[in-house]
Amino acid sequence: MEIGVSKCSFCLHVIAGIAIGILFLHPITKAVYWFEFQEEFQLKMTLWEFLLERARSDSFVEMIPMSLVFGSIGGLVGLGFGIYHLKLTAQHRAVQKLERELARDLPSLIAAGESDDTEFKSSVRWDVRQEKINKALDMVIAKTIAGFMNHKGGNLLIGIDDDGNILGLENDYKTLKYKNRDGFEQLIMDLVKTRLGGDKCRFIHTVFFKFEETDVCRIIVEPSNEPVYCNDTNVAKYFLRTGNVTRELDAQEVVSHVSGRVNNGS
């Protein structure tokens, strides 16, 4: 529905531009002609009389070429405004969605459990079971973020296990050069840049909470307007959030999903 409204609005901008070009730009050029050459050609009439006289004397056939020219100019201007309006509309929707996400409090997110737009992760680098650093875990984080980007966005809560128990970020902090929130946020951004591409950093927003005397990180992920691939040992993989899991799609599924998103305008 929103896509149809956007396309309709876009077409209206172009049509309005064409109308303005024909109904306003064309007469304005005649007015400019009158101001510049009334004395040279001794145009003994007012501007309004001159415009009426030209309108009466120019035949319909003679008007077509100039109308096409000014209609095209107006249409191009309308096209530019239409594109600008669509971009502003998209940004406004993104801001609204981000505001809605920020309005959801952490306890309610945890209580609702994992879903198609919420995922819990114990840590980014610290392996809770082995009790040591496991840098392979960052791929798990990266594919979850990519899955959200390729779907409709979502929330990744780090410092919480699958059962919703609060573990905190202290163990991850210990593995960092800067053992605080700033260091952790830098870790996330570096991970996204390395695994997904630096241009994808704009789709994520990190928010920290003090919960039960420990830090929890909430990563709000916006949906991407283009396919997001995850770099796994120099192999590009495509992940998608389906239900409460993130799964890798095979080549045929990727083509089908990407073409579907294009057709839907998302």
C-alpha atoms as a PDB file:
ATOM      1  CA  MET A   1       0.000   0.000   0.000  1.00  0.00           C
ATOM      2  CA  GLU A   2       2.777   2.449   0.947  1.00  0.00           C
ATOM      3  CA  ILE A   3       4.658   1.587  -2.270  1.00  0.00           C
ATOM      4  CA  GLY A   4       1.579   2.395  -4.353  1.00  0.00           C
ATOM      5  CA  VAL A   5       1.099   5.709  -2.553  1.00  0.00           C
ATOM      6  CA  SER A   6       4.777   6.597  -3.111  1.00  0.00           C
ATOM      7  CA  LYS A   7       4.555   5.836  -6.837  1.00  0.00           C
ATOM      8  CA  CYS A   8       1.345   7.850  -7.107  1.00  0.00           C
ATOM      9  CA  SER A   9       2.981  10.794  -5.329  1.00  0.00           C
ATOM     10  CA  PHE A  10       5.996  10.504  -7.641  1.00  0.00           C
ATOM     11  CA  CYS A  11       3.761  10.594 -10.747  1.00  0.00           C
ATOM     12  CA  LEU A  12       1.864  13.600  -9.393  1.00  0.00           C
ATOM     13  CA  HIS A  13       5.140  15.518  -9.037  1.00  0.00           C
ATOM     14  CA  VAL A  14       6.015  14.824 -12.672  1.00  0.00           C
ATOM     15  CA  ILE A  15       2.531  15.725 -13.935  1.00  0.00           C
ATOM     16  CA  ALA A  16       2.527  18.916 -11.870  1.00  0.00           C
ATOM     17  CA  GLY A  17       5.937  19.803 -13.288  1.00  0.00           C
ATOM     18  CA  ILE A  18       4.702  19.334 -16.861  1.00  0.00           C
ATOM     19  CA  ALA A  19       1.643  21.500 -16.166  1.00  0.00           C
ATOM     20  CA  ILE A  20       3.763  24.235 -14.604  1.00  0.00           C
ATOM     21  CA  GLY A  21       6.133  24.139 -17.567  1.00  0.00           C
ATOM     22  CA  ILE A  22       3.338  24.604 -20.089  1.00  0.00           C
ATOM     23  CA  LEU A  23       1.049  26.945 -18.165  1.00  0.00           C
ATOM     24  CA  PHE A  24       3.664  29.125 -16.418  1.00  0.00           C
ATOM     25  CA  LEU A  25       7.155  28.793 -17.903  1.00  0.00           C
ATOM     26  CA  HIS A  26       5.986  29.314 -21.462  1.00  0.00           C
ATOM     27  CA  PRO A  27       4.054  32.555 -20.695  1.00  0.00           C
ATOM     28  CA  ILE A  28       6.972  33.760 -18.551  1.00  0.00           C
ATOM     29  CA  THR A  29       9.333  33.539 -21.549  1.00  0.00           C
ATOM     30  CA  LYS A  30       6.897  35.620 -23.548  1.00  0.00           C
ATOM     31  CA  ALA A  31       6.807  38.159 -20.731  1.00  0.00           C
ATOM     32  CA  VAL A  32      10.612  38.304 -20.726  1.00  0.00           C
ATOM     33  CA  TYR A  33      10.501  38.878 -24.501  1.00  0.00           C
ATOM     34  CA  TRP A  34       8.082  41.772 -23.973  1.00  0.00           C
ATOM     35  CA  PHE A  35      10.275  43.408 -21.307  1.00  0.00           C
ATOM     36  CA  GLU A  36      13.449  43.143 -23.426  1.00  0.00           C
ATOM     37  CA  PHE A  37      12.138  44.084 -26.846  1.00  0.00           C
ATOM     38  CA  GLN A  38       9.103  46.322 -26.341  1.00  0.00           C
ATOM     39  CA  GLU A  39      11.081  49.481 -27.115  1.00  0.00           C
ATOM     40  CA  GLU A  40      13.217  47.962 -29.902  1.00  0.00           C
ATOM     41  CA  PHE A  41      10.210  46.611 -31.801  1.00  0.00           C
ATOM     42  CA  GLN A  42       7.873  49.357 -30.600  1.00  0.00           C
ATOM     43  CA  LEU A  43       5.416  47.014 -28.930  1.00  0.00           C
ATOM     44  CA  LYS A  44       2.658  49.538 -28.197  1.00  0.00           C
ATOM     45  CA  MET A  45       0.702  47.347 -25.811  1.00  0.00           C
ATOM     46  CA  THR A  46       0.722  46.318 -22.199  1.00  0.00           C
ATOM     47  CA  LEU A  47       2.193  43.016 -21.082  1.00  0.00           C
ATOM     48  CA  TRP A  48      -1.259  41.517 -20.559  1.00  0.00           C
ATOM     49  CA  GLU A  49      -2.389  42.677 -24.025  1.00  0.00           C
ATOM     50  CA  PHE A  50       0.794  41.249 -25.545  1.00  0.00           C
ATOM     51  CA  LEU A  51       0.227  37.840 -23.944  1.00  0.00           C
ATOM     52  CA  LEU A  52      -3.390  37.727 -25.077  1.00  0.00           C
ATOM     53  CA  GLU A  53      -2.412  38.742 -28.588  1.00  0.00           C
ATOM     54  CA  ARG A  54       0.232  36.008 -28.796  1.00  0.00           C
ATOM     55  CA  ALA A  55      -2.233  33.456 -27.457  1.00  0.00           C
ATOM     56  CA  ARG A  56      -4.763  34.442 -30.160  1.00  0.00           C
ATOM     57  CA  SER A  57      -2.267  34.602 -33.029  1.00  0.00           C
ATOM     58  CA  ASP A  58      -0.321  31.382 -32.304  1.00  0.00           C
ATOM     59  CA  SER A  59      -2.050  28.387 -33.817  1.00  0.00           C
ATOM     60  CA  PHE A  60      -2.362  25.102 -31.941  1.00  0.00           C
ATOM     61  CA  VAL A  61       0.201  23.449 -34.248  1.00  0.00           C
ATOM     62  CA  GLU A  62       2.678  26.290 -33.659  1.00  0.00           C
ATOM     63  CA  MET A  63       2.265  25.891 -29.921  1.00  0.00           C
ATOM     64  CA  ILE A  64       3.053  22.162 -29.850  1.00  0.00           C
ATOM     65  CA  PRO A  65       6.885  22.318 -30.180  1.00  0.00           C
ATOM     66  CA  MET A  66       7.299  24.989 -27.505  1.00  0.00           C
ATOM     67  CA  SER A  67       4.758  23.297 -25.258  1.00  0.00           C
ATOM     68  CA  LEU A  68       6.723  20.056 -25.555  1.00  0.00           C
ATOM     69  CA  VAL A  69       9.959  21.867 -24.699  1.00  0.00           C
ATOM     70  CA  PHE A  70       8.575  23.630 -21.629  1.00  0.00           C
ATOM     71  CA  GLY A  71       6.558  20.561 -20.625  1.00  0.00           C
ATOM     72  CA  SER A  72       9.772  18.519 -20.707  1.00  0.00           C
ATOM     73  CA  ILE A  73      11.627  21.107 -18.641  1.00  0.00           C
ATOM     74  CA  GLY A  74       8.810  21.200 -16.109  1.00  0.00           C
ATOM     75  CA  GLY A  75       8.618  17.394 -16.070  1.00  0.00           C
ATOM     76  CA  LEU A  76      12.341  17.129 -15.312  1.00  0.00           C
ATOM     77  CA  VAL A  77      11.992  19.625 -12.471  1.00  0.00           C
ATOM     78  CA  GLY A  78       9.012  17.660 -11.158  1.00  0.00           C
ATOM     79  CA  LEU A  79      11.041  14.458 -11.487  1.00  0.00           C
ATOM     80  CA  GLY A  80      13.778  15.959  -9.336  1.00  0.00           C
ATOM     81  CA  PHE A  81      11.315  17.076  -6.670  1.00  0.00           C
ATOM     82  CA  GLY A  82       9.609  13.664  -6.824  1.00  0.00           C
ATOM     83  CA  ILE A  83      12.900  11.850  -6.171  1.00  0.00           C
ATOM     84  CA  TYR A  84      13.725  14.264  -3.351  1.00  0.00           C
ATOM     85  CA  HIS A  85      10.251  13.768  -1.844  1.00  0.00           C
ATOM     86  CA  LEU A  86      10.580   9.972  -1.964  1.00  0.00           C
ATOM     87  CA  LYS A  87      13.943  10.155  -0.209  1.00  0.00           C
ATOM     88  CA  LEU A  88      12.536  12.416   2.498  1.00  0.00           C
ATOM     89  CA  THR A  89       9.568  10.076   2.937  1.00  0.00           C
ATOM     90  CA  ALA A  90      11.868   7.052   3.267  1.00  0.00           C
ATOM     91  CA  GLN A  91      14.032   8.879   5.829  1.00  0.00           C
ATOM     92  CA  HIS A  92      10.934   9.936   7.769  1.00  0.00           C
ATOM     93  CA  ARG A  93       9.679   6.344   7.920  1.00  0.00           C
ATOM     94  CA  ALA A  94      13.104   5.140   9.059  1.00  0.00           C
ATOM     95  CA  VAL A  95      13.144   7.754  11.843  1.00  0.00           C
ATOM     96  CA  GLN A  96       9.622   6.793  12.908  1.00  0.00           C
ATOM     97  CA  LYS A  97      10.556   3.114  13.051  1.00  0.00           C
ATOM     98  CA  LEU A  98      13.673   3.894  15.059  1.00  0.00           C
ATOM     99  CA  GLU A  99      11.615   5.982  17.472  1.00  0.00           C
ATOM    100  CA  ARG A 100       9.144   3.111  17.894  1.00  0.00           C
ATOM    101  CA  GLU A 101      11.995   0.709  18.602  1.00  0.00           C
ATOM    102  CA  LEU A 102      13.551   3.048  21.160  1.00  0.00           C
ATOM    103  CA  ALA A 103      10.185   3.306  22.880  1.00  0.00           C
ATOM    104  CA  ARG A 104      10.221  -0.441  23.599  1.00  0.00           C
ATOM    105  CA  ASP A 105      11.836  -0.971  26.996  1.00  0.00           C
ATOM    106  CA  LEU A 106      14.420  -3.678  27.622  1.00  0.00           C
ATOM    107  CA  PRO A 107      12.454  -5.748  30.176  1.00  0.00           C
ATOM    108  CA  SER A 108       9.496  -6.100  27.796  1.00  0.00           C
ATOM    109  CA  LEU A 109      11.824  -7.137  24.950  1.00  0.00           C
ATOM    110  CA  ILE A 110      13.420  -9.801  27.127  1.00  0.00           C
ATOM    111  CA  ALA A 111      10.072 -11.002  28.436  1.00  0.00           C
ATOM    112  CA  ALA A 112       8.705 -11.372  24.891  1.00  0.00           C
ATOM    113  CA  GLY A 113      11.573 -13.716  24.020  1.00  0.00           C
ATOM    114  CA  GLU A 114      13.271 -14.332  20.694  1.00  0.00           C
ATOM    115  CA  SER A 115      11.205 -13.732  17.565  1.00  0.00           C
ATOM    116  CA  ASP A 116      11.531 -12.651  13.949  1.00  0.00           C
ATOM    117  CA  ASP A 117      12.730  -9.223  15.145  1.00  0.00           C
ATOM    118  CA  THR A 118      14.518 -10.064  18.406  1.00  0.00           C
ATOM    119  CA  GLU A 119      17.585 -12.211  19.106  1.00  0.00           C
ATOM    120  CA  PHE A 120      19.578 -12.841  22.298  1.00  0.00           C
ATOM    121  CA  LYS A 121      23.351 -13.413  22.322  1.00  0.00           C
ATOM    122  CA  SER A 122      25.480 -14.119  25.380  1.00  0.00           C
ATOM    123  CA  SER A 123      28.580 -12.332  24.074  1.00  0.00           C
ATOM    124  CA  VAL A 124      30.604 -11.264  21.059  1.00  0.00           C
ATOM    125  CA  ARG A 125      34.040 -12.701  21.840  1.00  0.00           C
ATOM    126  CA  TRP A 126      33.873 -14.531  25.150  1.00  0.00           C
ATOM    127  CA  ASP A 127      32.898 -18.203  24.883  1.00  0.00           C
ATOM    128  CA  VAL A 128      30.759 -18.825  27.959  1.00  0.00           C
ATOM    129  CA  ARG A 129      31.036 -22.622  27.726  1.00  0.00           C
ATOM    130  CA  GLN A 130      34.788 -22.779  27.110  1.00  0.00           C
ATOM    131  CA  GLU A 131      35.449 -19.736  29.312  1.00  0.00           C
ATOM    132  CA  LYS A 132      37.912 -18.182  26.908  1.00  0.00           C
ATOM    133  CA  ILE A 133      38.071 -15.852  23.888  1.00  0.00           C
ATOM    134  CA  ASN A 134      36.552 -17.349  20.754  1.00  0.00           C
ATOM    135  CA  LYS A 135      36.853 -14.921  17.839  1.00  0.00           C
ATOM    136  CA  ALA A 136      34.737 -17.229  15.687  1.00  0.00           C
ATOM    137  CA  LEU A 137      31.727 -15.974  17.641  1.00  0.00           C
ATOM    138  CA  ASP A 138      31.831 -12.667  15.800  1.00  0.00           C
ATOM    139  CA  MET A 139      30.571 -14.478  12.692  1.00  0.00           C
ATOM    140  CA  VAL A 140      27.473 -15.468  14.659  1.00  0.00           C
ATOM    141  CA  ILE A 141      26.857 -11.825  15.519  1.00  0.00           C
ATOM    142  CA  ALA A 142      27.532 -10.692  11.936  1.00  0.00           C
ATOM    143  CA  LYS A 143      25.154 -13.190  10.338  1.00  0.00           C
ATOM    144  CA  THR A 144      22.397 -12.224  12.797  1.00  0.00           C
ATOM    145  CA  ILE A 145      22.791  -8.554  11.915  1.00  0.00           C
ATOM    146  CA  ALA A 146      22.865  -9.382   8.191  1.00  0.00           C
ATOM    147  CA  GLY A 147      19.738 -11.523   8.588  1.00  0.00           C
ATOM    148  CA  PHE A 148      17.888  -8.605  10.165  1.00  0.00           C
ATOM    149  CA  MET A 149      19.092  -6.213   7.455  1.00  0.00           C
ATOM    150  CA  ASN A 150      17.870  -8.567   4.731  1.00  0.00           C
ATOM    151  CA  HIS A 151      14.490  -8.886   6.460  1.00  0.00           C
ATOM    152  CA  LYS A 152      12.693  -6.011   8.164  1.00  0.00           C
ATOM    153  CA  GLY A 153      15.249  -5.030  10.789  1.00  0.00           C
ATOM    154  CA  GLY A 154      15.243  -6.030  14.433  1.00  0.00           C
ATOM    155  CA  ASN A 155      16.887  -6.021  17.852  1.00  0.00           C
ATOM    156  CA  LEU A 156      20.015  -7.908  18.823  1.00  0.00           C
ATOM    157  CA  LEU A 157      20.458  -8.020  22.606  1.00  0.00           C
ATOM    158  CA  ILE A 158      23.995  -8.902  23.702  1.00  0.00           C
ATOM    159  CA  GLY A 159      24.699  -9.990  27.251  1.00  0.00           C
ATOM    160  CA  ILE A 160      21.597 -12.182  27.509  1.00  0.00           C
ATOM    161  CA  ASP A 161      21.451 -15.965  27.043  1.00  0.00           C
ATOM    162  CA  ASP A 162      18.820 -17.884  25.062  1.00  0.00           C
ATOM    163  CA  ASP A 163      16.619 -18.255  28.137  1.00  0.00           C
ATOM    164  CA  GLY A 164      16.550 -14.502  28.782  1.00  0.00           C
ATOM    165  CA  ASN A 165      18.985 -14.583  31.702  1.00  0.00           C
ATOM    166  CA  ILE A 166      21.148 -11.481  32.150  1.00  0.00           C
ATOM    167  CA  LEU A 167      24.864 -12.288  31.762  1.00  0.00           C
ATOM    168  CA  GLY A 168      26.197  -8.790  31.084  1.00  0.00           C
ATOM    169  CA  LEU A 169      29.139  -7.596  29.015  1.00  0.00           C
ATOM    170  CA  GLU A 170      31.904  -7.733  31.604  1.00  0.00           C
ATOM    171  CA  ASN A 171      33.593 -10.805  30.092  1.00  0.00           C
ATOM    172  CA  ASP A 172      33.605  -9.149  26.656  1.00  0.00           C
ATOM    173  CA  TYR A 173      34.908  -5.923  28.198  1.00  0.00           C
ATOM    174  CA  LYS A 174      37.922  -7.816  29.556  1.00  0.00           C
ATOM    175  CA  THR A 175      38.966  -8.814  26.024  1.00  0.00           C
ATOM    176  CA  LEU A 176      39.018  -5.229  24.737  1.00  0.00           C
ATOM    177  CA  LYS A 177      41.691  -2.548  24.676  1.00  0.00           C
ATOM    178  CA  TYR A 178      39.157  -0.055  26.019  1.00  0.00           C
ATOM    179  CA  LYS A 179      37.229  -2.031  28.621  1.00  0.00           C
ATOM    180  CA  ASN A 180      34.003  -0.055  28.555  1.00  0.00           C
ATOM    181  CA  ARG A 181      30.971   0.781  26.440  1.00  0.00           C
ATOM    182  CA  ASP A 182      32.981   2.831  23.953  1.00  0.00           C
ATOM    183  CA  GLY A 183      35.351  -0.065  23.348  1.00  0.00           C
ATOM    184  CA  PHE A 184      32.448  -2.470  22.922  1.00  0.00           C
ATOM    185  CA  GLU A 185      30.671  -0.208  20.444  1.00  0.00           C
ATOM    186  CA  GLN A 186      33.904   0.105  18.467  1.00  0.00           C
ATOM    187  CA  LEU A 187      34.145  -3.694  18.434  1.00  0.00           C
ATOM    188  CA  ILE A 188      30.646  -3.947  16.950  1.00  0.00           C
ATOM    189  CA  MET A 189      31.335  -1.315  14.310  1.00  0.00           C
ATOM    190  CA  ASP A 190      34.626  -2.962  13.314  1.00  0.00           C
ATOM    191  CA  LEU A 191      32.858  -6.314  13.096  1.00  0.00           C
ATOM    192  CA  VAL A 192      30.156  -4.908  10.802  1.00  0.00           C
ATOM    193  CA  LYS A 193      32.731  -3.110   8.672  1.00  0.00           C
ATOM    194  CA  THR A 194      34.835  -6.262   8.267  1.00  0.00           C
ATOM    195  CA  ARG A 195      32.047  -8.787   7.756  1.00  0.00           C
ATOM    196  CA  LEU A 196      29.322  -6.756   6.008  1.00  0.00           C
ATOM    197  CA  GLY A 197      31.048  -3.655   4.642  1.00  0.00           C
ATOM    198  CA  GLY A 198      31.700  -0.192   6.020  1.00  0.00           C
ATOM    199  CA  ASP A 199      28.642   1.274   4.310  1.00  0.00           C
ATOM    200  CA  LYS A 200      26.397  -1.011   6.386  1.00  0.00           C
ATOM    201  CA  CYS A 201      27.405   0.636   9.672  1.00  0.00           C
ATOM    202  CA  ARG A 202      24.744   3.277   9.097  1.00  0.00           C
ATOM    203  CA  PHE A 203      22.027   0.648   9.549  1.00  0.00           C
ATOM    204  CA  ILE A 204      22.898  -0.177  13.157  1.00  0.00           C
ATOM    205  CA  HIS A 205      22.460   1.793  16.382  1.00  0.00           C
ATOM    206  CA  THR A 206      23.868   0.663  19.720  1.00  0.00           C
ATOM    207  CA  VAL A 207      22.171   1.462  23.011  1.00  0.00           C
ATOM    208  CA  PHE A 208      23.491   0.387  26.422  1.00  0.00           C
ATOM    209  CA  PHE A 209      21.446  -0.357  29.520  1.00  0.00           C
ATOM    210  CA  LYS A 210      22.429  -0.860  33.123  1.00  0.00           C
ATOM    211  CA  PHE A 211      20.423  -3.915  34.093  1.00  0.00           C
ATOM    212  CA  GLU A 212      20.810  -5.819  37.359  1.00  0.00           C
ATOM    213  CA  GLU A 213      24.147  -4.063  38.039  1.00  0.00           C
ATOM    214  CA  THR A 214      25.615  -5.069  34.679  1.00  0.00           C
ATOM    215  CA  ASP A 215      25.669  -3.675  31.132  1.00  0.00           C
ATOM    216  CA  VAL A 216      23.540  -5.042  28.312  1.00  0.00           C
ATOM    217  CA  CYS A 217      23.889  -3.862  24.716  1.00  0.00           C
ATOM    218  CA  ARG A 218      20.923  -3.486  22.422  1.00  0.00           C
ATOM    219  CA  ILE A 219      21.731  -3.216  18.716  1.00  0.00           C
ATOM    220  CA  ILE A 220      18.836  -1.775  16.738  1.00  0.00           C
ATOM    221  CA  VAL A 221      19.209  -2.959  13.133  1.00  0.00           C
ATOM    222  CA  GLU A 222      17.487  -1.135  10.289  1.00  0.00           C
ATOM    223  CA  PRO A 223      16.466  -3.040   7.149  1.00  0.00           C
ATOM    224  CA  SER A 224      18.816  -2.466   4.225  1.00  0.00           C
ATOM    225  CA  ASN A 225      17.531  -1.186   0.892  1.00  0.00           C
ATOM    226  CA  GLU A 226      19.892  -3.568  -0.916  1.00  0.00           C
ATOM    227  CA  PRO A 227      21.097  -7.155  -0.364  1.00  0.00           C
ATOM    228  CA  VAL A 228      23.618  -7.582   2.450  1.00  0.00           C
ATOM    229  CA  TYR A 229      26.228 -10.324   2.163  1.00  0.00           C
ATOM    230  CA  CYS A 230      28.347 -11.608   5.016  1.00  0.00           C
ATOM    231  CA  ASN A 231      32.041 -12.235   4.438  1.00  0.00           C
ATOM    232  CA  ASP A 232      33.005 -15.636   5.868  1.00  0.00           C
ATOM    233  CA  THR A 233      36.676 -16.412   5.080  1.00  0.00           C
ATOM    234  CA  ASN A 234      36.378 -14.506   1.770  1.00  0.00           C
ATOM    235  CA  VAL A 235      33.124 -16.268   0.834  1.00  0.00           C
ATOM    236  CA  ALA A 236      30.040 -14.058   0.497  1.00  0.00           C
ATOM    237  CA  LYS A 237      27.051 -15.619   2.245  1.00  0.00           C
ATOM    238  CA  TYR A 238      23.457 -14.447   2.376  1.00  0.00           C
ATOM    239  CA  PHE A 239      21.505 -14.737   5.626  1.00  0.00           C
ATOM    240  CA  LEU A 240      17.846 -14.058   6.323  1.00  0.00           C
ATOM    241  CA  ARG A 241      15.843 -13.826   9.522  1.00  0.00           C
ATOM    242  CA  THR A 242      12.979 -16.330   9.383  1.00  0.00           C
ATOM    243  CA  GLY A 243      10.903 -16.786  12.505  1.00  0.00           C
ATOM    244  CA  ASN A 244      13.188 -16.808  15.544  1.00  0.00           C
ATOM    245  CA  VAL A 245      16.261 -18.104  13.677  1.00  0.00           C
ATOM    246  CA  THR A 246      18.734 -16.751  11.147  1.00  0.00           C
ATOM    247  CA  ARG A 247      19.463 -19.124   8.287  1.00  0.00           C
ATOM    248  CA  GLU A 248      21.719 -19.110   5.255  1.00  0.00           C
ATOM    249  CA  LEU A 249      19.991 -19.141   1.863  1.00  0.00           C
ATOM    250  CA  ASP A 250      21.245 -21.150  -1.092  1.00  0.00           C
ATOM    251  CA  ALA A 251      21.815 -19.503  -4.497  1.00  0.00           C
ATOM    252  CA  GLN A 252      18.304 -20.165  -5.788  1.00  0.00           C
ATOM    253  CA  GLU A 253      16.702 -18.862  -2.603  1.00  0.00           C
ATOM    254  CA  VAL A 254      18.882 -15.733  -2.696  1.00  0.00           C
ATOM    255  CA  VAL A 255      17.814 -14.916  -6.260  1.00  0.00           C
ATOM    256  CA  SER A 256      14.165 -15.474  -5.383  1.00  0.00           C
ATOM    257  CA  HIS A 257      14.325 -13.388  -2.210  1.00  0.00           C
ATOM    258  CA  VAL A 258      16.273 -10.492  -3.753  1.00  0.00           C
ATOM    259  CA  SER A 259      14.011 -10.335  -6.821  1.00  0.00           C
ATOM    260  CA  GLY A 260      10.994 -10.403  -4.516  1.00  0.00           C
ATOM    261  CA  ARG A 261      12.331  -7.451  -2.533  1.00  0.00           C
ATOM    262  CA  VAL A 262      12.977  -5.505  -5.766  1.00  0.00           C
ATOM    263  CA  ASN A 263       9.464  -6.189  -7.034  1.00  0.00           C
ATOM    264  CA  ASN A 264       8.019  -5.069  -3.698  1.00  0.00           C
ATOM    265  CA  GLY A 265      10.126  -1.914  -3.759  1.00  0.00           C
ATOM    266  CA  SER A 266      11.854  -2.750  -0.445  1.00  0.00           C
END
